[in-house]
């Protein structure tokens, strides 16, 4: 299971027992969107090869604000 923790500057990720951080600028560059408009599903697709996407995608802006 992948755990995502969002804040204003980026995302803390725990994936297969490894913890790392995706900085805001990296997320924006990879998705070609502004950080608040990126969804949790898009982040999961960046981290995992074949993520199990369930439920409605949530925008980071909705999660933070």
PDB file of N, CA and C in Angstrom:
ATOM      1  N   UNK A   1       0.837  -1.187   0.000  1.00  0.00           N
ATOM      2  CA  UNK A   1       0.000   0.000   0.000  1.00  0.00           C
ATOM      3  C   UNK A   1       0.881   1.249   0.000  1.00  0.00           C
ATOM      4  N   UNK A   2       0.469   2.247  -0.720  1.00  0.00           N
ATOM      5  CA  UNK A   2       1.196   3.508  -0.794  1.00  0.00           C
ATOM      6  C   UNK A   2       0.471   4.549   0.056  1.00  0.00           C
ATOM      7  N   UNK A   3       1.221   5.261   0.869  1.00  0.00           N
ATOM      8  CA  UNK A   3       0.655   6.308   1.722  1.00  0.00           C
ATOM      9  C   UNK A   3       1.170   7.651   1.227  1.00  0.00           C
ATOM     10  N   UNK A   4       0.236   8.581   0.981  1.00  0.00           N
ATOM     11  CA  UNK A   4       0.586   9.926   0.526  1.00  0.00           C
ATOM     12  C   UNK A   4       0.193  10.936   1.600  1.00  0.00           C
ATOM     13  N   UNK A   5       1.101  11.842   1.941  1.00  0.00           N
ATOM     14  CA  UNK A   5       0.827  12.932   2.887  1.00  0.00           C
ATOM     15  C   UNK A   5       1.156  14.243   2.192  1.00  0.00           C
ATOM     16  N   UNK A   6       0.130  15.056   1.960  1.00  0.00           N
ATOM     17  CA  UNK A   6       0.275  16.298   1.204  1.00  0.00           C
ATOM     18  C   UNK A   6       0.501  17.482   2.122  1.00  0.00           C
ATOM     19  N   UNK A   7       1.344  18.424   1.692  1.00  0.00           N
ATOM     20  CA  UNK A   7       1.443  19.733   2.326  1.00  0.00           C
ATOM     21  C   UNK A   7       1.687  20.764   1.229  1.00  0.00           C
ATOM     22  N   UNK A   8       1.836  22.014   1.605  1.00  0.00           N
ATOM     23  CA  UNK A   8       1.960  23.095   0.618  1.00  0.00           C
ATOM     24  C   UNK A   8       3.226  23.011  -0.236  1.00  0.00           C
ATOM     25  N   UNK A   9       4.230  22.294   0.223  1.00  0.00           N
ATOM     26  CA  UNK A   9       5.516  22.267  -0.469  1.00  0.00           C
ATOM     27  C   UNK A   9       5.797  20.962  -1.210  1.00  0.00           C
ATOM     28  N   UNK A  10       4.937  19.949  -1.016  1.00  0.00           N
ATOM     29  CA  UNK A  10       5.175  18.678  -1.688  1.00  0.00           C
ATOM     30  C   UNK A  10       4.431  17.535  -1.030  1.00  0.00           C
ATOM     31  N   UNK A  11       4.878  16.323  -1.332  1.00  0.00           N
ATOM     32  CA  UNK A  11       4.178  15.132  -0.885  1.00  0.00           C
ATOM     33  C   UNK A  11       5.174  14.167  -0.264  1.00  0.00           C
ATOM     34  N   UNK A  12       4.886  13.728   0.956  1.00  0.00           N
ATOM     35  CA  UNK A  12       5.654  12.658   1.576  1.00  0.00           C
ATOM     36  C   UNK A  12       5.016  11.355   1.132  1.00  0.00           C
ATOM     37  N   UNK A  13       5.835  10.423   0.654  1.00  0.00           N
ATOM     38  CA  UNK A  13       5.341   9.165   0.109  1.00  0.00           C
ATOM     39  C   UNK A  13       5.979   8.008   0.864  1.00  0.00           C
ATOM     40  N   UNK A  14       5.167   7.013   1.199  1.00  0.00           N
ATOM     41  CA  UNK A  14       5.685   5.751   1.708  1.00  0.00           C
ATOM     42  C   UNK A  14       5.243   4.681   0.730  1.00  0.00           C
ATOM     43  N   UNK A  15       6.210   4.045   0.071  1.00  0.00           N
ATOM     44  CA  UNK A  15       5.939   3.050  -0.965  1.00  0.00           C
ATOM     45  C   UNK A  15       6.802   1.828  -0.718  1.00  0.00           C
ATOM     46  N   UNK A  16       6.178   0.705  -0.486  1.00  0.00           N
ATOM     47  CA  UNK A  16       6.867  -0.559  -0.236  1.00  0.00           C
ATOM     48  C   UNK A  16       7.948  -0.424   0.827  1.00  0.00           C
ATOM     49  N   UNK A  17       7.619   0.253   1.919  1.00  0.00           N
ATOM     50  CA  UNK A  17       8.534   0.396   3.043  1.00  0.00           C
ATOM     51  C   UNK A  17       9.581   1.483   2.872  1.00  0.00           C
ATOM     52  N   UNK A  18       9.588   2.168   1.743  1.00  0.00           N
ATOM     53  CA  UNK A  18      10.542   3.244   1.497  1.00  0.00           C
ATOM     54  C   UNK A  18       9.823   4.588   1.573  1.00  0.00           C
ATOM     55  N   UNK A  19      10.417   5.511   2.311  1.00  0.00           N
ATOM     56  CA  UNK A  19       9.842   6.848   2.433  1.00  0.00           C
ATOM     57  C   UNK A  19      10.668   7.829   1.614  1.00  0.00           C
ATOM     58  N   UNK A  20       9.974   8.697   0.888  1.00  0.00           N
ATOM     59  CA  UNK A  20      10.656   9.746   0.126  1.00  0.00           C
ATOM     60  C   UNK A  20       9.708  10.910  -0.072  1.00  0.00           C
ATOM     61  N   UNK A  21      10.235  11.989  -0.618  1.00  0.00           N
ATOM     62  CA  UNK A  21       9.452  13.217  -0.795  1.00  0.00           C
ATOM     63  C   UNK A  21       9.433  13.611  -2.264  1.00  0.00           C
ATOM     64  N   UNK A  22       8.250  13.967  -2.743  1.00  0.00           N
ATOM     65  CA  UNK A  22       8.093  14.546  -4.076  1.00  0.00           C
ATOM     66  C   UNK A  22       7.879  16.046  -3.883  1.00  0.00           C
ATOM     67  N   UNK A  23       8.822  16.825  -4.321  1.00  0.00           N
ATOM     68  CA  UNK A  23       8.712  18.276  -4.172  1.00  0.00           C
ATOM     69  C   UNK A  23       7.646  18.824  -5.115  1.00  0.00           C
ATOM     70  N   UNK A  24       7.033  19.910  -4.707  1.00  0.00           N
ATOM     71  CA  UNK A  24       5.977  20.570  -5.468  1.00  0.00           C
ATOM     72  C   UNK A  24       6.388  20.821  -6.918  1.00  0.00           C
ATOM     73  N   UNK A  25       7.588  21.358  -7.140  1.00  0.00           N
ATOM     74  CA  UNK A  25       8.058  21.680  -8.490  1.00  0.00           C
ATOM     75  C   UNK A  25       8.164  20.424  -9.353  1.00  0.00           C
ATOM     76  N   UNK A  26       8.606  19.320  -8.777  1.00  0.00           N
ATOM     77  CA  UNK A  26       8.717  18.067  -9.511  1.00  0.00           C
ATOM     78  C   UNK A  26       7.338  17.557  -9.928  1.00  0.00           C
ATOM     79  N   UNK A  27       6.374  17.641  -9.030  1.00  0.00           N
ATOM     80  CA  UNK A  27       5.006  17.200  -9.321  1.00  0.00           C
ATOM     81  C   UNK A  27       4.409  18.052 -10.438  1.00  0.00           C
ATOM     82  N   UNK A  28       4.622  19.361 -10.359  1.00  0.00           N
ATOM     83  CA  UNK A  28       4.102  20.261 -11.399  1.00  0.00           C
ATOM     84  C   UNK A  28       4.753  19.976 -12.749  1.00  0.00           C
ATOM     85  N   UNK A  29       6.045  19.733 -12.740  1.00  0.00           N
ATOM     86  CA  UNK A  29       6.755  19.457 -13.991  1.00  0.00           C
ATOM     87  C   UNK A  29       6.290  18.130 -14.600  1.00  0.00           C
ATOM     88  N   UNK A  30       6.123  17.127 -13.771  1.00  0.00           N
ATOM     89  CA  UNK A  30       5.744  15.800 -14.261  1.00  0.00           C
ATOM     90  C   UNK A  30       4.321  15.764 -14.805  1.00  0.00           C
ATOM     91  N   UNK A  31       3.429  16.532 -14.191  1.00  0.00           N
ATOM     92  CA  UNK A  31       2.022  16.502 -14.601  1.00  0.00           C
ATOM     93  C   UNK A  31       1.660  17.636 -15.550  1.00  0.00           C
ATOM     94  N   UNK A  32       2.540  18.640 -15.641  1.00  0.00           N
ATOM     95  CA  UNK A  32       2.271  19.839 -16.431  1.00  0.00           C
ATOM     96  C   UNK A  32       0.992  20.542 -15.974  1.00  0.00           C
ATOM     97  N   UNK A  33       0.769  20.532 -14.656  1.00  0.00           N
ATOM     98  CA  UNK A  33      -0.372  21.206 -14.027  1.00  0.00           C
ATOM     99  C   UNK A  33       0.128  21.979 -12.812  1.00  0.00           C
ATOM    100  N   UNK A  34      -0.680  22.934 -12.368  1.00  0.00           N
ATOM    101  CA  UNK A  34      -0.338  23.603 -11.113  1.00  0.00           C
ATOM    102  C   UNK A  34      -0.608  22.622  -9.967  1.00  0.00           C
ATOM    103  N   UNK A  35       0.197  22.710  -8.936  1.00  0.00           N
ATOM    104  CA  UNK A  35       0.156  21.767  -7.816  1.00  0.00           C
ATOM    105  C   UNK A  35      -1.259  21.541  -7.264  1.00  0.00           C
ATOM    106  N   UNK A  36      -2.050  22.587  -6.995  1.00  0.00           N
ATOM    107  CA  UNK A  36      -3.389  22.344  -6.434  1.00  0.00           C
ATOM    108  C   UNK A  36      -4.324  21.571  -7.369  1.00  0.00           C
ATOM    109  N   UNK A  37      -4.045  21.566  -8.672  1.00  0.00           N
ATOM    110  CA  UNK A  37      -4.912  20.893  -9.640  1.00  0.00           C
ATOM    111  C   UNK A  37      -4.540  19.434  -9.886  1.00  0.00           C
ATOM    112  N   UNK A  38      -3.405  18.991  -9.355  1.00  0.00           N
ATOM    113  CA  UNK A  38      -2.977  17.603  -9.507  1.00  0.00           C
ATOM    114  C   UNK A  38      -3.842  16.738  -8.588  1.00  0.00           C
ATOM    115  N   UNK A  39      -4.203  15.529  -9.050  1.00  0.00           N
ATOM    116  CA  UNK A  39      -5.026  14.638  -8.229  1.00  0.00           C
ATOM    117  C   UNK A  39      -4.168  13.575  -7.547  1.00  0.00           C
ATOM    118  N   UNK A  40      -4.743  12.999  -6.496  1.00  0.00           N
ATOM    119  CA  UNK A  40      -4.058  11.911  -5.806  1.00  0.00           C
ATOM    120  C   UNK A  40      -3.838  10.727  -6.744  1.00  0.00           C
ATOM    121  N   UNK A  41      -4.754  10.488  -7.668  1.00  0.00           N
ATOM    122  CA  UNK A  41      -4.593   9.401  -8.639  1.00  0.00           C
ATOM    123  C   UNK A  41      -3.376   9.646  -9.535  1.00  0.00           C
ATOM    124  N   UNK A  42      -3.165  10.890  -9.940  1.00  0.00           N
ATOM    125  CA  UNK A  42      -1.999  11.218 -10.774  1.00  0.00           C
ATOM    126  C   UNK A  42      -0.701  10.987 -10.010  1.00  0.00           C
ATOM    127  N   UNK A  43      -0.699  11.326  -8.734  1.00  0.00           N
ATOM    128  CA  UNK A  43       0.497  11.106  -7.915  1.00  0.00           C
ATOM    129  C   UNK A  43       0.764   9.608  -7.774  1.00  0.00           C
ATOM    130  N   UNK A  44      -0.274   8.827  -7.524  1.00  0.00           N
ATOM    131  CA  UNK A  44      -0.105   7.376  -7.420  1.00  0.00           C
ATOM    132  C   UNK A  44       0.460   6.797  -8.710  1.00  0.00           C
ATOM    133  N   UNK A  45       0.026   7.319  -9.844  1.00  0.00           N
ATOM    134  CA  UNK A  45       0.526   6.835 -11.125  1.00  0.00           C
ATOM    135  C   UNK A  45       1.997   7.203 -11.321  1.00  0.00           C
ATOM    136  N   UNK A  46       2.457   8.260 -10.685  1.00  0.00           N
ATOM    137  CA  UNK A  46       3.868   8.633 -10.740  1.00  0.00           C
ATOM    138  C   UNK A  46       4.709   7.671  -9.894  1.00  0.00           C
ATOM    139  N   UNK A  47       4.139   7.199  -8.797  1.00  0.00           N
ATOM    140  CA  UNK A  47       4.882   6.395  -7.831  1.00  0.00           C
ATOM    141  C   UNK A  47       4.846   4.900  -8.182  1.00  0.00           C
ATOM    142  N   UNK A  48       3.668   4.393  -8.492  1.00  0.00           N
ATOM    143  CA  UNK A  48       3.487   2.969  -8.720  1.00  0.00           C
ATOM    144  C   UNK A  48       3.397   2.646 -10.214  1.00  0.00           C
ATOM    145  N   UNK A  49       3.842   1.461 -10.574  1.00  0.00           N
ATOM    146  CA  UNK A  49       3.793   1.047 -11.974  1.00  0.00           C
ATOM    147  C   UNK A  49       2.362   0.794 -12.429  1.00  0.00           C
ATOM    148  N   UNK A  50       1.577   0.107 -11.604  1.00  0.00           N
ATOM    149  CA  UNK A  50       0.189  -0.221 -11.946  1.00  0.00           C
ATOM    150  C   UNK A  50      -0.683  -0.031 -10.710  1.00  0.00           C
ATOM    151  N   UNK A  51      -0.969   1.224 -10.343  1.00  0.00           N
ATOM    152  CA  UNK A  51      -1.686   1.476  -9.088  1.00  0.00           C
ATOM    153  C   UNK A  51      -3.149   1.029  -9.145  1.00  0.00           C
ATOM    154  N   UNK A  52      -3.645   0.649  -7.995  1.00  0.00           N
ATOM    155  CA  UNK A  52      -5.060   0.328  -7.858  1.00  0.00           C
ATOM    156  C   UNK A  52      -5.778   1.636  -7.523  1.00  0.00           C
ATOM    157  N   UNK A  53      -6.480   2.193  -8.498  1.00  0.00           N
ATOM    158  CA  UNK A  53      -7.159   3.481  -8.312  1.00  0.00           C
ATOM    159  C   UNK A  53      -8.620   3.219  -7.984  1.00  0.00           C
ATOM    160  N   UNK A  54      -9.018   3.626  -6.791  1.00  0.00           N
ATOM    161  CA  UNK A  54     -10.416   3.431  -6.404  1.00  0.00           C
ATOM    162  C   UNK A  54     -10.996   4.753  -5.935  1.00  0.00           C
ATOM    163  N   UNK A  55     -12.291   4.890  -6.077  1.00  0.00           N
ATOM    164  CA  UNK A  55     -12.949   6.123  -5.681  1.00  0.00           C
ATOM    165  C   UNK A  55     -12.680   7.249  -6.654  1.00  0.00           C
ATOM    166  N   UNK A  56     -13.219   8.392  -6.322  1.00  0.00           N
ATOM    167  CA  UNK A  56     -13.041   9.586  -7.150  1.00  0.00           C
ATOM    168  C   UNK A  56     -11.674  10.202  -6.893  1.00  0.00           C
ATOM    169  N   UNK A  57     -11.009  10.686  -7.936  1.00  0.00           N
ATOM    170  CA  UNK A  57      -9.735  11.387  -7.717  1.00  0.00           C
ATOM    171  C   UNK A  57      -9.975  12.668  -6.919  1.00  0.00           C
ATOM    172  N   UNK A  58      -9.048  12.979  -6.019  1.00  0.00           N
ATOM    173  CA  UNK A  58      -9.148  14.188  -5.219  1.00  0.00           C
ATOM    174  C   UNK A  58      -8.014  15.132  -5.578  1.00  0.00           C
ATOM    175  N   UNK A  59      -8.345  16.387  -5.854  1.00  0.00           N
ATOM    176  CA  UNK A  59      -7.338  17.400  -6.146  1.00  0.00           C
ATOM    177  C   UNK A  59      -6.551  17.746  -4.883  1.00  0.00           C
ATOM    178  N   UNK A  60      -5.266  17.992  -5.037  1.00  0.00           N
ATOM    179  CA  UNK A  60      -4.451  18.380  -3.881  1.00  0.00           C
ATOM    180  C   UNK A  60      -5.015  19.647  -3.257  1.00  0.00           C
ATOM    181  N   UNK A  61      -5.476  20.587  -4.081  1.00  0.00           N
ATOM    182  CA  UNK A  61      -6.068  21.819  -3.561  1.00  0.00           C
ATOM    183  C   UNK A  61      -7.261  21.565  -2.659  1.00  0.00           C
ATOM    184  N   UNK A  62      -8.057  20.539  -2.975  1.00  0.00           N
ATOM    185  CA  UNK A  62      -9.207  20.197  -2.132  1.00  0.00           C
ATOM    186  C   UNK A  62      -8.778  19.541  -0.837  1.00  0.00           C
ATOM    187  N   UNK A  63      -7.689  18.783  -0.882  1.00  0.00           N
ATOM    188  CA  UNK A  63      -7.185  18.116   0.300  1.00  0.00           C
ATOM    189  C   UNK A  63      -6.580  19.144   1.270  1.00  0.00           C
ATOM    190  N   UNK A  64      -5.844  20.113   0.738  1.00  0.00           N
ATOM    191  CA  UNK A  64      -5.130  21.081   1.575  1.00  0.00           C
ATOM    192  C   UNK A  64      -5.998  22.228   2.069  1.00  0.00           C
ATOM    193  N   UNK A  65      -6.930  22.677   1.245  1.00  0.00           N
ATOM    194  CA  UNK A  65      -7.640  23.916   1.592  1.00  0.00           C
ATOM    195  C   UNK A  65      -9.064  23.655   1.845  1.00  0.00           C
TER     196      UNK A  65
END
